[in-house]
Amino acid sequence: MLNLFSSNKTENEDITLDFEKIPKHIAIIMDGNGRWAQARKLPRVMGHKAGVETVRTVVKKCNSLGVKYLTLYMFSTENWKRPKDEINSLMKLLAQYLKSEFDELNSNNVVINHIGDISKLPEICQKELIDAYEKTKNNTGLVLTLAINYGGRDEIIYAVKRLYKDISEKGMNIDDIDKDLFNNYLYTAEMPDPDIIIRPSGEQRLSNFLLWQCAYSEFWYSDINWPDFTEKDLEMAIYDYQHRDRRFGGIKK
């Protein structure tokens, strides 16, 4: 089997993390729920339910490690192409997760954030997302961002439209437009770019996720399906990240 782990460590070796170099922002493309279910001859929705358990595990682990931002790609703008029954099940799972996990997340000082065009979601999902954010926005711990009905290209177009509106209404000078200014018009304006993007399940592509923000992100792939992703796998990804040479286009001194 293809081994996509970039780290020199193996799964059976102890991993010692440098707590001075914990990535500030981890983003994850949660992939492989359907394949996990298919391998067990189960309906796809069972894979999504199993994936929710992994979300719980990873959120707790990131919070305990001191990660400041965790962004999870839950539902893309392209996922509407899936069967209606699967989409309905995913939306129910989202609402159930927010209801069942709210008290624990809030008690652990977690901010429950979201990015994407949630206006297309069922009303119950919109309500749960908005309520969760309003009730946790003043927390000071991990910022958990759920990317729902999110697409990187759509986000860039959304930012351009907002910027154009301000140019038209406020008479902005075109020479004032730079990367920092444009960044302020994105969904993610309040958070730093991801230090590392993790994708399980063996696929090696971004799938329209954080296209602007990933310019200098590290990437970490594995062939583990998301429901089987463990704390140890997260530690391996962070360990590998800590041993990479990040130069941001410069040279090592």
C-alpha atoms as a PDB file:
ATOM      1  CA  MET A   1       0.000   0.000   0.000  1.00  0.00           C
ATOM      2  CA  LEU A   2       1.188   3.471  -0.803  1.00  0.00           C
ATOM      3  CA  ASN A   3       2.590   5.138   2.297  1.00  0.00           C
ATOM      4  CA  LEU A   4       1.802   8.822   2.188  1.00  0.00           C
ATOM      5  CA  PHE A   5       3.183   9.691   5.593  1.00  0.00           C
ATOM      6  CA  SER A   6       5.900  12.280   5.117  1.00  0.00           C
ATOM      7  CA  SER A   7       7.408  11.806   8.555  1.00  0.00           C
ATOM      8  CA  ASN A   8      10.384   9.558   9.200  1.00  0.00           C
ATOM      9  CA  LYS A   9       8.559   8.282  12.274  1.00  0.00           C
ATOM     10  CA  THR A  10       6.477   5.129  12.088  1.00  0.00           C
ATOM     11  CA  GLU A  11       3.095   4.662  13.756  1.00  0.00           C
ATOM     12  CA  ASN A  12       4.610   2.495  16.483  1.00  0.00           C
ATOM     13  CA  GLU A  13       7.301   4.958  17.528  1.00  0.00           C
ATOM     14  CA  ASP A  14       6.861   7.494  20.296  1.00  0.00           C
ATOM     15  CA  ILE A  15       6.399  11.044  19.100  1.00  0.00           C
ATOM     16  CA  THR A  16       7.788  13.935  21.104  1.00  0.00           C
ATOM     17  CA  LEU A  17       6.258  17.216  20.083  1.00  0.00           C
ATOM     18  CA  ASP A  18       7.894  20.584  20.592  1.00  0.00           C
ATOM     19  CA  PHE A  19       5.222  22.603  22.375  1.00  0.00           C
ATOM     20  CA  GLU A  20       6.994  25.798  21.361  1.00  0.00           C
ATOM     21  CA  LYS A  21       6.295  24.951  17.709  1.00  0.00           C
ATOM     22  CA  ILE A  22       2.677  23.832  17.748  1.00  0.00           C
ATOM     23  CA  PRO A  23       1.031  25.093  14.522  1.00  0.00           C
ATOM     24  CA  LYS A  24      -1.224  28.039  15.223  1.00  0.00           C
ATOM     25  CA  HIS A  25      -3.781  27.074  12.575  1.00  0.00           C
ATOM     26  CA  ILE A  26      -4.549  23.531  11.411  1.00  0.00           C
ATOM     27  CA  ALA A  27      -7.005  22.957   8.561  1.00  0.00           C
ATOM     28  CA  ILE A  28      -8.359  19.514   7.706  1.00  0.00           C
ATOM     29  CA  ILE A  29     -10.131  18.156   4.631  1.00  0.00           C
ATOM     30  CA  MET A  30     -12.186  15.417   6.273  1.00  0.00           C
ATOM     31  CA  ASP A  31     -12.173  12.824   3.503  1.00  0.00           C
ATOM     32  CA  GLY A  32     -12.901   9.103   3.363  1.00  0.00           C
ATOM     33  CA  ASN A  33     -16.182   8.688   5.243  1.00  0.00           C
ATOM     34  CA  GLY A  34     -17.874   7.049   2.269  1.00  0.00           C
ATOM     35  CA  ARG A  35     -14.948   4.724   1.581  1.00  0.00           C
ATOM     36  CA  TRP A  36     -14.823   3.767   5.261  1.00  0.00           C
ATOM     37  CA  ALA A  37     -18.496   2.759   5.110  1.00  0.00           C
ATOM     38  CA  GLN A  38     -18.156   1.012   1.757  1.00  0.00           C
ATOM     39  CA  ALA A  39     -15.295  -1.129   3.049  1.00  0.00           C
ATOM     40  CA  ARG A  40     -17.619  -2.310   5.841  1.00  0.00           C
ATOM     41  CA  LYS A  41     -20.626  -2.753   3.515  1.00  0.00           C
ATOM     42  CA  LEU A  42     -22.477  -0.016   5.399  1.00  0.00           C
ATOM     43  CA  PRO A  43     -24.571   2.910   4.106  1.00  0.00           C
ATOM     44  CA  ARG A  44     -22.530   6.065   3.465  1.00  0.00           C
ATOM     45  CA  VAL A  45     -24.346   7.887   6.256  1.00  0.00           C
ATOM     46  CA  MET A  46     -22.744   5.496   8.746  1.00  0.00           C
ATOM     47  CA  GLY A  47     -19.361   6.715   7.556  1.00  0.00           C
ATOM     48  CA  HIS A  48     -20.415  10.297   8.193  1.00  0.00           C
ATOM     49  CA  LYS A  49     -21.631   9.361  11.687  1.00  0.00           C
ATOM     50  CA  ALA A  50     -18.306   7.692  12.399  1.00  0.00           C
ATOM     51  CA  GLY A  51     -16.564  10.805  11.071  1.00  0.00           C
ATOM     52  CA  VAL A  52     -18.356  12.940  13.680  1.00  0.00           C
ATOM     53  CA  GLU A  53     -16.701  10.861  16.415  1.00  0.00           C
ATOM     54  CA  THR A  54     -13.320  11.679  14.879  1.00  0.00           C
ATOM     55  CA  VAL A  55     -14.241  15.375  14.895  1.00  0.00           C
ATOM     56  CA  ARG A  56     -14.814  15.132  18.658  1.00  0.00           C
ATOM     57  CA  THR A  57     -11.433  13.460  19.137  1.00  0.00           C
ATOM     58  CA  VAL A  58      -9.492  15.928  17.001  1.00  0.00           C
ATOM     59  CA  VAL A  59     -11.141  19.021  18.501  1.00  0.00           C
ATOM     60  CA  LYS A  60     -10.305  17.873  22.020  1.00  0.00           C
ATOM     61  CA  LYS A  61      -6.736  17.038  21.064  1.00  0.00           C
ATOM     62  CA  CYS A  62      -6.133  20.368  19.321  1.00  0.00           C
ATOM     63  CA  ASN A  63      -7.533  22.207  22.311  1.00  0.00           C
ATOM     64  CA  SER A  64      -5.276  20.317  24.702  1.00  0.00           C
ATOM     65  CA  LEU A  65      -2.194  20.928  22.514  1.00  0.00           C
ATOM     66  CA  GLY A  66      -2.781  24.671  22.417  1.00  0.00           C
ATOM     67  CA  VAL A  67      -3.720  24.950  18.742  1.00  0.00           C
ATOM     68  CA  LYS A  68      -5.388  28.348  18.315  1.00  0.00           C
ATOM     69  CA  TYR A  69      -7.403  27.692  15.140  1.00  0.00           C
ATOM     70  CA  LEU A  70      -8.864  24.484  13.707  1.00  0.00           C
ATOM     71  CA  THR A  71     -10.758  24.676  10.408  1.00  0.00           C
ATOM     72  CA  LEU A  72     -12.713  21.630   9.233  1.00  0.00           C
ATOM     73  CA  TYR A  73     -13.944  21.250   5.651  1.00  0.00           C
ATOM     74  CA  MET A  74     -17.397  19.772   6.268  1.00  0.00           C
ATOM     75  CA  PHE A  75     -19.431  20.477   3.128  1.00  0.00           C
ATOM     76  CA  SER A  76     -18.259  22.077  -0.106  1.00  0.00           C
ATOM     77  CA  THR A  77     -20.149  24.081  -2.700  1.00  0.00           C
ATOM     78  CA  GLU A  78     -19.750  21.027  -4.963  1.00  0.00           C
ATOM     79  CA  ASN A  79     -21.204  18.561  -2.448  1.00  0.00           C
ATOM     80  CA  TRP A  80     -24.743  19.557  -3.463  1.00  0.00           C
ATOM     81  CA  LYS A  81     -24.216  17.180  -6.395  1.00  0.00           C
ATOM     82  CA  ARG A  82     -24.470  14.232  -4.008  1.00  0.00           C
ATOM     83  CA  PRO A  83     -27.684  12.196  -3.589  1.00  0.00           C
ATOM     84  CA  LYS A  84     -30.435  14.118  -1.786  1.00  0.00           C
ATOM     85  CA  ASP A  85     -30.736  11.517   0.969  1.00  0.00           C
ATOM     86  CA  GLU A  86     -27.039  11.806   1.770  1.00  0.00           C
ATOM     87  CA  ILE A  87     -27.213  15.614   1.845  1.00  0.00           C
ATOM     88  CA  ASN A  88     -30.221  15.509   4.185  1.00  0.00           C
ATOM     89  CA  SER A  89     -28.381  13.110   6.484  1.00  0.00           C
ATOM     90  CA  LEU A  90     -25.324  15.366   6.536  1.00  0.00           C
ATOM     91  CA  MET A  91     -27.446  18.392   7.467  1.00  0.00           C
ATOM     92  CA  LYS A  92     -29.130  16.459  10.283  1.00  0.00           C
ATOM     93  CA  LEU A  93     -25.745  15.355  11.569  1.00  0.00           C
ATOM     94  CA  LEU A  94     -24.529  18.955  11.538  1.00  0.00           C
ATOM     95  CA  ALA A  95     -27.501  20.181  13.587  1.00  0.00           C
ATOM     96  CA  GLN A  96     -27.184  17.235  15.991  1.00  0.00           C
ATOM     97  CA  TYR A  97     -23.453  17.836  16.457  1.00  0.00           C
ATOM     98  CA  LEU A  98     -23.951  21.496  17.286  1.00  0.00           C
ATOM     99  CA  LYS A  99     -26.710  20.687  19.781  1.00  0.00           C
ATOM    100  CA  SER A 100     -25.003  17.761  21.480  1.00  0.00           C
ATOM    101  CA  GLU A 101     -21.501  19.233  21.637  1.00  0.00           C
ATOM    102  CA  PHE A 102     -22.303  22.865  22.424  1.00  0.00           C
ATOM    103  CA  ASP A 103     -22.153  22.668  26.223  1.00  0.00           C
ATOM    104  CA  GLU A 104     -18.843  20.808  26.289  1.00  0.00           C
ATOM    105  CA  LEU A 105     -17.241  23.032  23.656  1.00  0.00           C
ATOM    106  CA  ASN A 106     -18.421  26.172  25.394  1.00  0.00           C
ATOM    107  CA  SER A 107     -17.256  24.952  28.805  1.00  0.00           C
ATOM    108  CA  ASN A 108     -13.829  24.347  27.265  1.00  0.00           C
ATOM    109  CA  ASN A 109     -13.682  27.947  26.041  1.00  0.00           C
ATOM    110  CA  VAL A 110     -14.019  27.000  22.340  1.00  0.00           C
ATOM    111  CA  VAL A 111     -15.335  29.517  19.800  1.00  0.00           C
ATOM    112  CA  ILE A 112     -17.705  27.810  17.331  1.00  0.00           C
ATOM    113  CA  ASN A 113     -17.235  29.677  14.052  1.00  0.00           C
ATOM    114  CA  HIS A 114     -18.308  29.012  10.456  1.00  0.00           C
ATOM    115  CA  ILE A 115     -17.326  30.088   6.946  1.00  0.00           C
ATOM    116  CA  GLY A 116     -19.181  29.676   3.673  1.00  0.00           C
ATOM    117  CA  ASP A 117     -22.600  30.698   2.370  1.00  0.00           C
ATOM    118  CA  ILE A 118     -24.856  29.236   5.042  1.00  0.00           C
ATOM    119  CA  SER A 119     -27.948  30.897   3.536  1.00  0.00           C
ATOM    120  CA  LYS A 120     -28.338  27.817   1.326  1.00  0.00           C
ATOM    121  CA  LEU A 121     -28.522  25.465   4.343  1.00  0.00           C
ATOM    122  CA  PRO A 122     -31.739  24.286   6.037  1.00  0.00           C
ATOM    123  CA  GLU A 123     -33.044  26.867   8.515  1.00  0.00           C
ATOM    124  CA  ILE A 124     -32.309  24.663  11.521  1.00  0.00           C
ATOM    125  CA  CYS A 125     -28.648  24.430  10.498  1.00  0.00           C
ATOM    126  CA  GLN A 126     -28.417  28.176   9.959  1.00  0.00           C
ATOM    127  CA  LYS A 127     -29.953  28.803  13.385  1.00  0.00           C
ATOM    128  CA  GLU A 128     -27.667  26.379  15.186  1.00  0.00           C
ATOM    129  CA  LEU A 129     -24.567  27.819  13.518  1.00  0.00           C
ATOM    130  CA  ILE A 130     -25.490  31.430  14.225  1.00  0.00           C
ATOM    131  CA  ASP A 131     -26.565  30.710  17.814  1.00  0.00           C
ATOM    132  CA  ALA A 132     -23.411  28.701  18.521  1.00  0.00           C
ATOM    133  CA  TYR A 133     -21.218  31.542  17.312  1.00  0.00           C
ATOM    134  CA  GLU A 134     -23.124  34.273  19.149  1.00  0.00           C
ATOM    135  CA  LYS A 135     -22.935  32.327  22.410  1.00  0.00           C
ATOM    136  CA  THR A 136     -19.224  31.479  22.115  1.00  0.00           C
ATOM    137  CA  LYS A 137     -17.710  34.433  20.234  1.00  0.00           C
ATOM    138  CA  ASN A 138     -16.245  35.905  23.415  1.00  0.00           C
ATOM    139  CA  ASN A 139     -14.490  32.683  24.394  1.00  0.00           C
ATOM    140  CA  THR A 140     -10.702  32.838  24.290  1.00  0.00           C
ATOM    141  CA  GLY A 141      -9.709  29.248  23.520  1.00  0.00           C
ATOM    142  CA  LEU A 142      -9.573  27.240  20.300  1.00  0.00           C
ATOM    143  CA  VAL A 143     -11.449  28.779  17.370  1.00  0.00           C
ATOM    144  CA  LEU A 144     -13.239  25.863  15.712  1.00  0.00           C
ATOM    145  CA  THR A 145     -14.314  26.927  12.211  1.00  0.00           C
ATOM    146  CA  LEU A 146     -16.716  24.747  10.252  1.00  0.00           C
ATOM    147  CA  ALA A 147     -16.444  25.294   6.488  1.00  0.00           C
ATOM    148  CA  ILE A 148     -19.965  24.590   5.248  1.00  0.00           C
ATOM    149  CA  ASN A 149     -21.247  25.275   1.728  1.00  0.00           C
ATOM    150  CA  TYR A 150     -17.749  26.621   1.297  1.00  0.00           C
ATOM    151  CA  GLY A 151     -15.694  26.894  -1.874  1.00  0.00           C
ATOM    152  CA  GLY A 152     -12.379  28.669  -2.309  1.00  0.00           C
ATOM    153  CA  ARG A 153     -13.287  30.136  -5.694  1.00  0.00           C
ATOM    154  CA  ASP A 154     -16.661  31.322  -4.417  1.00  0.00           C
ATOM    155  CA  GLU A 155     -14.927  32.950  -1.453  1.00  0.00           C
ATOM    156  CA  ILE A 156     -12.586  34.906  -3.740  1.00  0.00           C
ATOM    157  CA  ILE A 157     -15.520  36.096  -5.871  1.00  0.00           C
ATOM    158  CA  TYR A 158     -17.371  37.049  -2.666  1.00  0.00           C
ATOM    159  CA  ALA A 159     -14.345  39.089  -1.571  1.00  0.00           C
ATOM    160  CA  VAL A 160     -14.043  40.812  -4.974  1.00  0.00           C
ATOM    161  CA  LYS A 161     -17.706  41.829  -4.882  1.00  0.00           C
ATOM    162  CA  ARG A 162     -17.368  43.274  -1.376  1.00  0.00           C
ATOM    163  CA  LEU A 163     -14.209  45.118  -2.361  1.00  0.00           C
ATOM    164  CA  TYR A 164     -15.845  46.500  -5.524  1.00  0.00           C
ATOM    165  CA  LYS A 165     -18.791  47.737  -3.455  1.00  0.00           C
ATOM    166  CA  ASP A 166     -16.440  49.622  -1.139  1.00  0.00           C
ATOM    167  CA  ILE A 167     -14.513  51.062  -4.082  1.00  0.00           C
ATOM    168  CA  SER A 168     -17.780  52.267  -5.633  1.00  0.00           C
ATOM    169  CA  GLU A 169     -19.247  53.688  -2.438  1.00  0.00           C
ATOM    170  CA  LYS A 170     -16.167  54.953  -0.627  1.00  0.00           C
ATOM    171  CA  GLY A 171     -14.033  56.098  -3.534  1.00  0.00           C
ATOM    172  CA  MET A 172     -11.073  53.944  -2.587  1.00  0.00           C
ATOM    173  CA  ASN A 173      -7.826  54.438  -4.501  1.00  0.00           C
ATOM    174  CA  ILE A 174      -6.962  51.418  -6.607  1.00  0.00           C
ATOM    175  CA  ASP A 175      -3.326  51.715  -5.521  1.00  0.00           C
ATOM    176  CA  ASP A 176      -4.450  51.044  -1.939  1.00  0.00           C
ATOM    177  CA  ILE A 177      -5.431  47.499  -2.887  1.00  0.00           C
ATOM    178  CA  ASP A 178      -2.829  44.975  -1.782  1.00  0.00           C
ATOM    179  CA  LYS A 179      -2.739  41.464  -0.315  1.00  0.00           C
ATOM    180  CA  ASP A 180      -3.435  42.645   3.218  1.00  0.00           C
ATOM    181  CA  LEU A 181      -6.417  44.731   2.182  1.00  0.00           C
ATOM    182  CA  PHE A 182      -7.881  41.950   0.034  1.00  0.00           C
ATOM    183  CA  ASN A 183      -7.473  39.497   2.890  1.00  0.00           C
ATOM    184  CA  ASN A 184      -9.850  41.640   4.950  1.00  0.00           C
ATOM    185  CA  TYR A 185     -12.695  40.847   2.547  1.00  0.00           C
ATOM    186  CA  LEU A 186     -12.409  37.056   2.838  1.00  0.00           C
ATOM    187  CA  TYR A 187     -14.455  34.833   5.138  1.00  0.00           C
ATOM    188  CA  THR A 188     -11.243  34.163   7.057  1.00  0.00           C
ATOM    189  CA  ALA A 189     -10.299  37.800   7.653  1.00  0.00           C
ATOM    190  CA  GLU A 190     -10.155  37.291  11.419  1.00  0.00           C
ATOM    191  CA  MET A 191      -7.805  34.312  11.371  1.00  0.00           C
ATOM    192  CA  PRO A 192      -4.245  33.587  10.215  1.00  0.00           C
ATOM    193  CA  ASP A 193      -3.538  31.423   7.167  1.00  0.00           C
ATOM    194  CA  PRO A 194      -3.309  27.699   7.939  1.00  0.00           C
ATOM    195  CA  ASP A 195       0.168  26.505   8.871  1.00  0.00           C
ATOM    196  CA  ILE A 196      -0.683  22.967   7.797  1.00  0.00           C
ATOM    197  CA  ILE A 197      -3.486  21.398   5.771  1.00  0.00           C
ATOM    198  CA  ILE A 198      -4.182  17.739   6.534  1.00  0.00           C
ATOM    199  CA  ARG A 199      -5.994  15.445   4.133  1.00  0.00           C
ATOM    200  CA  PRO A 200      -6.627  11.783   4.956  1.00  0.00           C
ATOM    201  CA  SER A 201      -7.999   9.062   2.634  1.00  0.00           C
ATOM    202  CA  GLY A 202      -5.170   9.006   0.092  1.00  0.00           C
ATOM    203  CA  GLU A 203      -6.313  11.886  -2.115  1.00  0.00           C
ATOM    204  CA  GLN A 204      -3.754  14.602  -2.812  1.00  0.00           C
ATOM    205  CA  ARG A 205      -5.632  17.712  -3.898  1.00  0.00           C
ATOM    206  CA  LEU A 206      -7.164  20.814  -2.291  1.00  0.00           C
ATOM    207  CA  SER A 207     -10.705  20.304  -3.618  1.00  0.00           C
ATOM    208  CA  ASN A 208     -11.402  24.050  -3.674  1.00  0.00           C
ATOM    209  CA  PHE A 209     -10.396  24.546  -0.028  1.00  0.00           C
ATOM    210  CA  LEU A 210      -8.764  27.772   1.222  1.00  0.00           C
ATOM    211  CA  LEU A 211      -7.222  28.552  -2.164  1.00  0.00           C
ATOM    212  CA  TRP A 212      -6.051  32.056  -1.237  1.00  0.00           C
ATOM    213  CA  GLN A 213      -4.988  31.147   2.289  1.00  0.00           C
ATOM    214  CA  CYS A 214      -2.902  28.073   1.448  1.00  0.00           C
ATOM    215  CA  ALA A 215      -0.151  29.962  -0.409  1.00  0.00           C
ATOM    216  CA  TYR A 216       2.511  28.912   2.113  1.00  0.00           C
ATOM    217  CA  SER A 217       0.727  26.157   4.020  1.00  0.00           C
ATOM    218  CA  GLU A 218       2.438  22.831   4.583  1.00  0.00           C
ATOM    219  CA  PHE A 219       0.514  19.790   3.302  1.00  0.00           C
ATOM    220  CA  TRP A 220       0.244  16.419   5.001  1.00  0.00           C
ATOM    221  CA  TYR A 221      -1.479  13.439   3.410  1.00  0.00           C
ATOM    222  CA  SER A 222      -2.252   9.956   4.643  1.00  0.00           C
ATOM    223  CA  ASP A 223      -4.139   6.952   3.293  1.00  0.00           C
ATOM    224  CA  ILE A 224      -6.210   6.673   6.492  1.00  0.00           C
ATOM    225  CA  ASN A 225      -9.926   7.331   6.052  1.00  0.00           C
ATOM    226  CA  TRP A 226     -11.233  10.109   8.271  1.00  0.00           C
ATOM    227  CA  PRO A 227     -13.227   7.863  10.681  1.00  0.00           C
ATOM    228  CA  ASP A 228      -9.979   5.976  11.443  1.00  0.00           C
ATOM    229  CA  PHE A 229      -7.919   9.145  11.983  1.00  0.00           C
ATOM    230  CA  THR A 230      -6.635   9.173  15.561  1.00  0.00           C
ATOM    231  CA  GLU A 231      -4.858  11.448  18.024  1.00  0.00           C
ATOM    232  CA  LYS A 232      -1.635   9.681  17.085  1.00  0.00           C
ATOM    233  CA  ASP A 233      -2.154  10.546  13.417  1.00  0.00           C
ATOM    234  CA  LEU A 234      -2.658  14.182  14.349  1.00  0.00           C
ATOM    235  CA  GLU A 235       0.527  14.090  16.403  1.00  0.00           C
ATOM    236  CA  MET A 236       2.411  12.568  13.456  1.00  0.00           C
ATOM    237  CA  ALA A 237       1.225  15.380  11.201  1.00  0.00           C
ATOM    238  CA  ILE A 238       2.306  18.005  13.728  1.00  0.00           C
ATOM    239  CA  TYR A 239       5.637  16.236  14.297  1.00  0.00           C
ATOM    240  CA  ASP A 240       6.309  16.275  10.566  1.00  0.00           C
ATOM    241  CA  TYR A 241       5.297  19.936  10.343  1.00  0.00           C
ATOM    242  CA  GLN A 242       7.751  20.793  13.120  1.00  0.00           C
ATOM    243  CA  HIS A 243      10.601  19.212  11.180  1.00  0.00           C
ATOM    244  CA  ARG A 244      10.019  20.990   7.895  1.00  0.00           C
ATOM    245  CA  ASP A 245      12.070  23.966   6.756  1.00  0.00           C
ATOM    246  CA  ARG A 246       9.595  26.797   6.179  1.00  0.00           C
ATOM    247  CA  ARG A 247      11.298  29.601   4.249  1.00  0.00           C
ATOM    248  CA  PHE A 248       8.298  31.433   2.718  1.00  0.00           C
ATOM    249  CA  GLY A 249      10.209  32.015  -0.519  1.00  0.00           C
ATOM    250  CA  GLY A 250      13.463  33.011   1.169  1.00  0.00           C
ATOM    251  CA  ILE A 251      16.598  31.016   1.907  1.00  0.00           C
ATOM    252  CA  LYS A 252      17.699  29.352   5.091  1.00  0.00           C
ATOM    253  CA  LYS A 253      20.094  31.454   7.134  1.00  0.00           C
END
